[in-house]
Protein backbone atom coordinates (compact mmCIF):
# COMPACT_ATOMS: atom_id res chain seq x y z
CA MET A 1 -24.71 -21.27 -11.55
CA ALA A 2 -21.12 -20.29 -12.60
CA VAL A 3 -20.18 -16.67 -11.92
CA ILE A 4 -18.59 -15.15 -15.00
CA PHE A 5 -18.59 -11.55 -14.02
CA GLN A 6 -18.88 -9.65 -10.76
CA LYS A 7 -17.84 -6.36 -9.07
CA PRO A 8 -14.44 -6.45 -7.45
CA LYS A 9 -14.69 -6.71 -3.60
CA SER A 10 -12.25 -3.81 -3.24
CA LEU A 11 -14.58 -1.53 -5.24
CA SER A 12 -17.40 0.18 -3.42
CA ASP A 13 -21.01 -0.43 -4.60
CA VAL A 14 -21.76 3.27 -5.18
CA THR A 15 -22.39 5.53 -8.14
CA GLN A 16 -19.30 7.39 -9.29
CA HIS A 17 -19.29 11.10 -9.96
CA TYR A 18 -17.20 11.10 -13.12
CA CYS A 19 -18.41 12.62 -16.37
CA PRO A 20 -19.88 10.33 -19.04
CA GLY A 21 -17.06 8.85 -21.07
CA CYS A 22 -14.43 9.56 -18.49
CA THR A 23 -12.17 6.52 -18.01
CA HIS A 24 -11.36 7.03 -14.40
CA GLY A 25 -13.99 4.41 -13.56
CA ILE A 26 -12.24 1.83 -15.68
CA ILE A 27 -8.92 2.54 -14.02
CA HIS A 28 -10.58 2.26 -10.51
CA ARG A 29 -11.89 -1.11 -11.45
CA LEU A 30 -8.41 -2.27 -12.66
CA ILE A 31 -6.82 -1.30 -9.38
CA ALA A 32 -9.52 -3.08 -7.41
CA GLU A 33 -9.21 -6.23 -9.53
CA VAL A 34 -5.45 -6.32 -8.95
CA ILE A 35 -5.89 -5.84 -5.25
CA ASP A 36 -8.52 -8.61 -5.16
CA ASP A 37 -6.33 -10.89 -7.30
CA MET A 38 -3.39 -10.41 -4.80
CA ASP A 39 -5.80 -10.65 -1.75
CA ILE A 40 -4.33 -7.51 -0.21
CA GLU A 41 -7.42 -5.39 0.44
CA GLY A 42 -6.64 -5.25 4.20
CA GLU A 43 -2.97 -4.39 3.53
CA THR A 44 -3.42 -1.56 1.04
CA VAL A 45 -3.45 2.23 1.48
CA GLY A 46 -4.21 4.63 -1.37
CA ILE A 47 -3.41 8.35 -1.41
CA SER A 48 -5.36 10.70 -3.73
CA PRO A 49 -4.81 14.44 -3.85
CA VAL A 50 -6.88 17.29 -5.27
CA GLY A 51 -8.34 16.80 -8.77
CA CYS A 52 -10.87 14.60 -10.36
CA SER A 53 -9.66 11.80 -8.10
CA VAL A 54 -10.52 13.89 -5.01
CA LEU A 55 -13.46 11.58 -4.13
CA ALA A 56 -11.65 8.33 -4.82
CA TYR A 57 -11.96 7.38 -1.14
CA ASN A 58 -15.67 6.83 -1.82
CA TYR A 59 -14.97 4.19 -4.45
CA PHE A 60 -12.56 1.75 -2.70
CA ASN A 61 -13.15 -0.57 0.27
CA PHE A 62 -9.66 -0.12 1.62
CA ASP A 63 -7.96 2.71 3.48
CA MET A 64 -7.56 6.01 1.51
CA ILE A 65 -5.80 9.18 2.59
CA GLN A 66 -6.52 12.61 1.11
CA ALA A 67 -3.38 14.67 0.36
CA PRO A 68 -2.80 18.28 -0.48
CA HIS A 69 -2.51 19.14 -4.15
CA GLY A 70 0.63 17.42 -5.56
CA ARG A 71 1.78 16.05 -2.26
CA ALA A 72 0.65 12.41 -2.61
CA PRO A 73 4.15 10.96 -3.14
CA ALA A 74 5.32 12.70 0.08
CA VAL A 75 2.35 11.33 2.06
CA ALA A 76 2.88 7.90 0.54
CA THR A 77 6.56 8.07 1.57
CA GLY A 78 5.54 8.68 5.16
CA VAL A 79 3.05 5.90 5.19
CA LYS A 80 5.43 3.33 3.62
CA ARG A 81 8.32 4.27 5.93
CA ALA A 82 6.09 4.04 8.98
CA ARG A 83 4.32 0.85 7.78
CA PRO A 84 6.64 -0.87 5.21
CA ASP A 85 4.35 -3.94 5.35
CA LEU A 86 1.52 -2.08 3.64
CA PHE A 87 0.98 -1.76 -0.12
CA THR A 88 0.99 1.99 -0.72
CA PHE A 89 0.05 3.74 -3.94
CA THR A 90 -0.91 7.21 -5.13
CA TYR A 91 -3.61 7.97 -7.66
CA GLN A 92 -2.76 11.32 -9.45
CA GLY A 93 -3.67 13.30 -12.47
CA ASP A 94 -1.30 15.11 -14.78
CA GLY A 95 -2.09 18.62 -13.48
CA ASP A 96 -1.29 17.34 -9.96
CA LEU A 97 1.65 15.10 -10.57
CA ALA A 98 3.48 16.88 -13.39
CA ALA A 99 2.85 20.49 -12.23
CA ILE A 100 2.47 21.31 -8.49
CA GLY A 101 3.69 17.81 -7.51
CA THR A 102 6.73 17.62 -9.74
CA ALA A 103 9.24 17.88 -6.95
CA GLU A 104 7.52 15.20 -4.81
CA MET A 105 7.33 12.78 -7.73
CA VAL A 106 10.90 13.28 -8.97
CA HIS A 107 12.51 13.05 -5.59
CA ALA A 108 10.41 10.06 -4.48
CA ALA A 109 11.68 8.27 -7.61
CA SER A 110 15.20 9.48 -7.05
CA ARG A 111 15.22 8.07 -3.52
CA GLY A 112 13.79 4.80 -4.84
CA GLU A 113 10.84 4.89 -2.41
CA ASN A 114 9.06 1.55 -2.47
CA ILE A 115 5.73 2.97 -3.56
CA THR A 116 3.57 2.78 -6.60
CA ILE A 117 2.30 5.76 -8.60
CA ILE A 118 -0.78 5.46 -10.72
CA PHE A 119 -0.59 8.44 -13.04
CA VAL A 120 -3.71 9.32 -15.02
CA ASN A 121 -2.77 11.52 -17.95
CA ASN A 122 -5.62 13.19 -19.88
CA THR A 123 -3.50 16.15 -21.03
CA ILE A 124 -5.54 18.82 -19.22
CA TYR A 125 -6.59 20.09 -15.83
CA GLY A 126 -9.99 18.38 -15.37
CA MET A 127 -11.80 19.26 -12.20
CA THR A 128 -10.48 22.86 -11.93
CA GLY A 129 -11.83 23.96 -15.18
CA GLY A 130 -9.89 22.79 -18.17
CA GLN A 131 -6.73 24.78 -18.02
CA MET A 132 -3.45 23.83 -19.75
CA ALA A 133 -1.45 21.15 -18.00
CA PRO A 134 2.20 20.24 -18.34
CA THR A 135 1.16 17.31 -20.55
CA THR A 136 -1.19 19.37 -22.76
CA LEU A 137 -0.22 18.76 -26.39
CA SER A 138 1.20 21.37 -28.64
CA GLY A 139 -1.70 23.24 -30.33
CA GLN A 140 -4.24 21.82 -27.91
CA VAL A 141 -7.00 24.30 -27.07
CA THR A 142 -7.72 24.67 -23.34
CA GLN A 143 -9.25 27.43 -21.24
CA THR A 144 -5.84 29.10 -20.81
CA THR A 145 -4.71 28.40 -24.36
CA PRO A 146 -7.74 29.41 -26.44
CA PHE A 147 -5.58 29.47 -29.58
CA GLY A 148 -3.75 26.23 -28.76
CA ARG A 149 -0.70 25.58 -26.69
CA ASP A 150 2.26 27.57 -28.13
CA ILE A 151 5.58 25.82 -27.39
CA LYS A 152 7.44 29.13 -27.85
CA THR A 153 5.74 30.49 -24.65
CA ALA A 154 4.47 27.40 -22.82
CA GLY A 155 7.22 24.97 -23.57
CA TYR A 156 6.93 21.39 -24.67
CA PRO A 157 4.57 18.73 -23.10
CA ILE A 158 6.37 16.72 -20.49
CA ARG A 159 6.88 12.98 -20.99
CA VAL A 160 6.93 11.77 -17.45
CA CYS A 161 7.77 8.08 -17.94
CA GLU A 162 10.74 8.93 -20.12
CA MET A 163 12.03 11.37 -17.64
CA LEU A 164 11.71 9.13 -14.59
CA ALA A 165 13.26 6.22 -16.40
CA THR A 166 16.61 8.07 -16.27
CA LEU A 167 16.61 8.02 -12.48
CA GLU A 168 18.42 5.19 -10.65
CA GLY A 169 15.70 4.83 -8.05
CA THR A 170 13.00 4.06 -10.61
CA ALA A 171 12.39 0.27 -10.78
CA PHE A 172 9.52 0.23 -13.24
CA ALA A 173 8.01 2.84 -15.61
CA ARG A 174 5.34 1.87 -18.16
CA ARG A 175 2.85 3.91 -20.16
CA VAL A 176 -0.49 2.29 -21.00
CA SER A 177 -3.99 3.29 -22.21
CA VAL A 178 -7.55 2.37 -21.70
CA ASP A 179 -8.97 3.26 -25.11
CA THR A 180 -9.46 -0.35 -26.31
CA PRO A 181 -10.28 -3.67 -24.63
CA GLN A 182 -6.75 -4.91 -25.47
CA ASN A 183 -5.19 -1.83 -23.94
CA VAL A 184 -7.37 -2.16 -20.85
CA ARG A 185 -6.00 -5.72 -20.37
CA GLU A 186 -2.42 -4.41 -20.78
CA ALA A 187 -3.13 -1.64 -18.28
CA LYS A 188 -4.22 -4.18 -15.69
CA LYS A 189 -0.98 -6.22 -16.25
CA ALA A 190 1.08 -3.02 -15.73
CA ILE A 191 -0.66 -2.24 -12.44
CA ALA A 192 -0.26 -5.82 -11.24
CA LYS A 193 3.45 -5.74 -12.19
CA ALA A 194 3.93 -2.51 -10.23
CA PHE A 195 2.31 -3.96 -7.09
CA GLU A 196 4.32 -7.14 -7.47
CA LEU A 197 7.57 -5.09 -7.55
CA GLN A 198 6.45 -3.22 -4.44
CA LYS A 199 5.89 -6.58 -2.75
CA ASN A 200 9.44 -7.60 -3.73
CA GLU A 201 10.82 -4.25 -2.42
CA ALA A 202 12.17 -3.36 -5.88
CA GLY A 203 11.67 0.44 -5.37
CA PHE A 204 9.73 3.16 -7.04
CA SER A 205 7.26 2.26 -9.81
CA ILE A 206 4.94 4.35 -11.98
CA VAL A 207 2.16 3.32 -14.28
CA GLU A 208 1.11 6.17 -16.58
CA ILE A 209 -2.44 5.62 -17.99
CA LEU A 210 -3.63 7.67 -20.96
CA SER A 211 -7.17 8.69 -20.18
CA THR A 212 -10.04 10.68 -21.60
CA CYS A 213 -11.63 13.99 -20.56
CA PRO A 214 -14.69 14.39 -22.86
CA THR A 215 -15.96 17.42 -20.98
CA ASN A 216 -12.82 19.58 -21.21
CA TRP A 217 -11.83 18.28 -24.58
CA GLY A 218 -15.26 19.28 -25.95
CA LEU A 219 -15.79 15.78 -27.50
CA ASN A 220 -18.25 13.00 -27.02
CA PRO A 221 -17.07 9.73 -25.36
CA LEU A 222 -16.53 7.90 -28.68
CA ASN A 223 -14.41 10.75 -30.25
CA SER A 224 -12.50 11.05 -26.98
CA LEU A 225 -11.24 7.48 -27.36
CA LYS A 226 -10.46 8.24 -30.96
CA ARG A 227 -8.43 11.26 -29.90
CA ILE A 228 -6.29 9.11 -27.62
CA ARG A 229 -5.42 6.81 -30.57
CA GLU A 230 -4.91 9.57 -33.14
CA GLU A 231 -3.32 12.42 -31.19
CA VAL A 232 -2.25 11.40 -27.67
CA ILE A 233 -0.47 8.10 -28.24
CA PRO A 234 1.64 9.42 -31.10
CA TYR A 235 3.25 11.93 -28.67
CA TYR A 236 3.13 9.62 -25.70
CA PRO A 237 3.97 6.18 -27.03
CA LEU A 238 2.82 3.15 -25.12
CA GLY A 239 5.46 0.81 -23.67
CA VAL A 240 7.86 -0.07 -20.86
CA TYR A 241 10.44 2.62 -20.35
CA LYS A 242 12.19 0.94 -17.45
CA ASP A 243 11.98 -2.48 -15.84
CA LYS A 244 14.83 -3.34 -13.43
CA THR A 245 13.72 -7.01 -13.30
CA LYS A 246 14.29 -7.39 -16.98
CA GLU A 247 17.59 -5.59 -16.75
CA GLY A 248 18.69 -8.03 -14.08
CA GLU A 249 17.70 -11.03 -16.19
CA SER A 250 19.74 -9.78 -19.13
CA SER A 251 22.85 -9.08 -17.20
C-alpha cells in the first residue's frame, strides 16, 4: 500500500502541550519535515529559550539545548563556532527575541553568524501571562495594556525582518504565516531556504512566522486565524525582505 501521509521522523511521537488553536505544532512539523527532506536529523541542533517553546526538546528527535531567556542566538553562536559542521537553529517567540533577546539577535545578524533563526511572532507574551510584547499591535489589548497599546507611551510595534534586512551580515530574511494551507506551504519553503543557505555558509538567516495565540488573544481558533489575516498581516506584510543569493544573481 502506498504511503501518502506520515509523521516526520524528526518529530517525536508525543502529545504536545500547546493550547487548542495554537500554531506552534504546525511550525514544529514544518521544521521536522525540512530536516527529514535534507536527511540531517543527526547533524542538527536546535536551541529554544524560555517561553511557549520551552518544552520544544520533547517534540524533536534531534539534539536540543535549553537557553536562558533571550540568549538563544548567543548559545547558537557558540555551538556553530565549536561545531561548524552542524545545522544550528534557534526557535524563539517575539517576547523572547524582540525584547530581552534583542541584543543577541541583532549582533548575531551583524556578525553574519551562520545560523538560522525561526522567529514565531504572535504579537504577545504567551506563556508568561499575556503581557504586551515589542510586536504587540497599536491598540491591542493585553494584560499590561488593558485599554490597548498606546504608541505615545509604549512606542511602535517592531518589524524585525525589516530591521535585520538593513544589516550586512543578514543573508536571508523572510516573513511568512501559517493561517492558510497555501501560507503553510510557503512557510516550509522559507525554512528550507534558510537551512540550505546555512549549508552553503551564506551567513545569518531569519524566518519570521506569524502565529496565533487564541488563549491570550481571547479568541477561538477560527477567529484567531482570521485575526492574522485581517489585523496582523496588514502591519507585518508577508514577503522576502533580504535574499543575498538573489542579489548575487542580479549583479
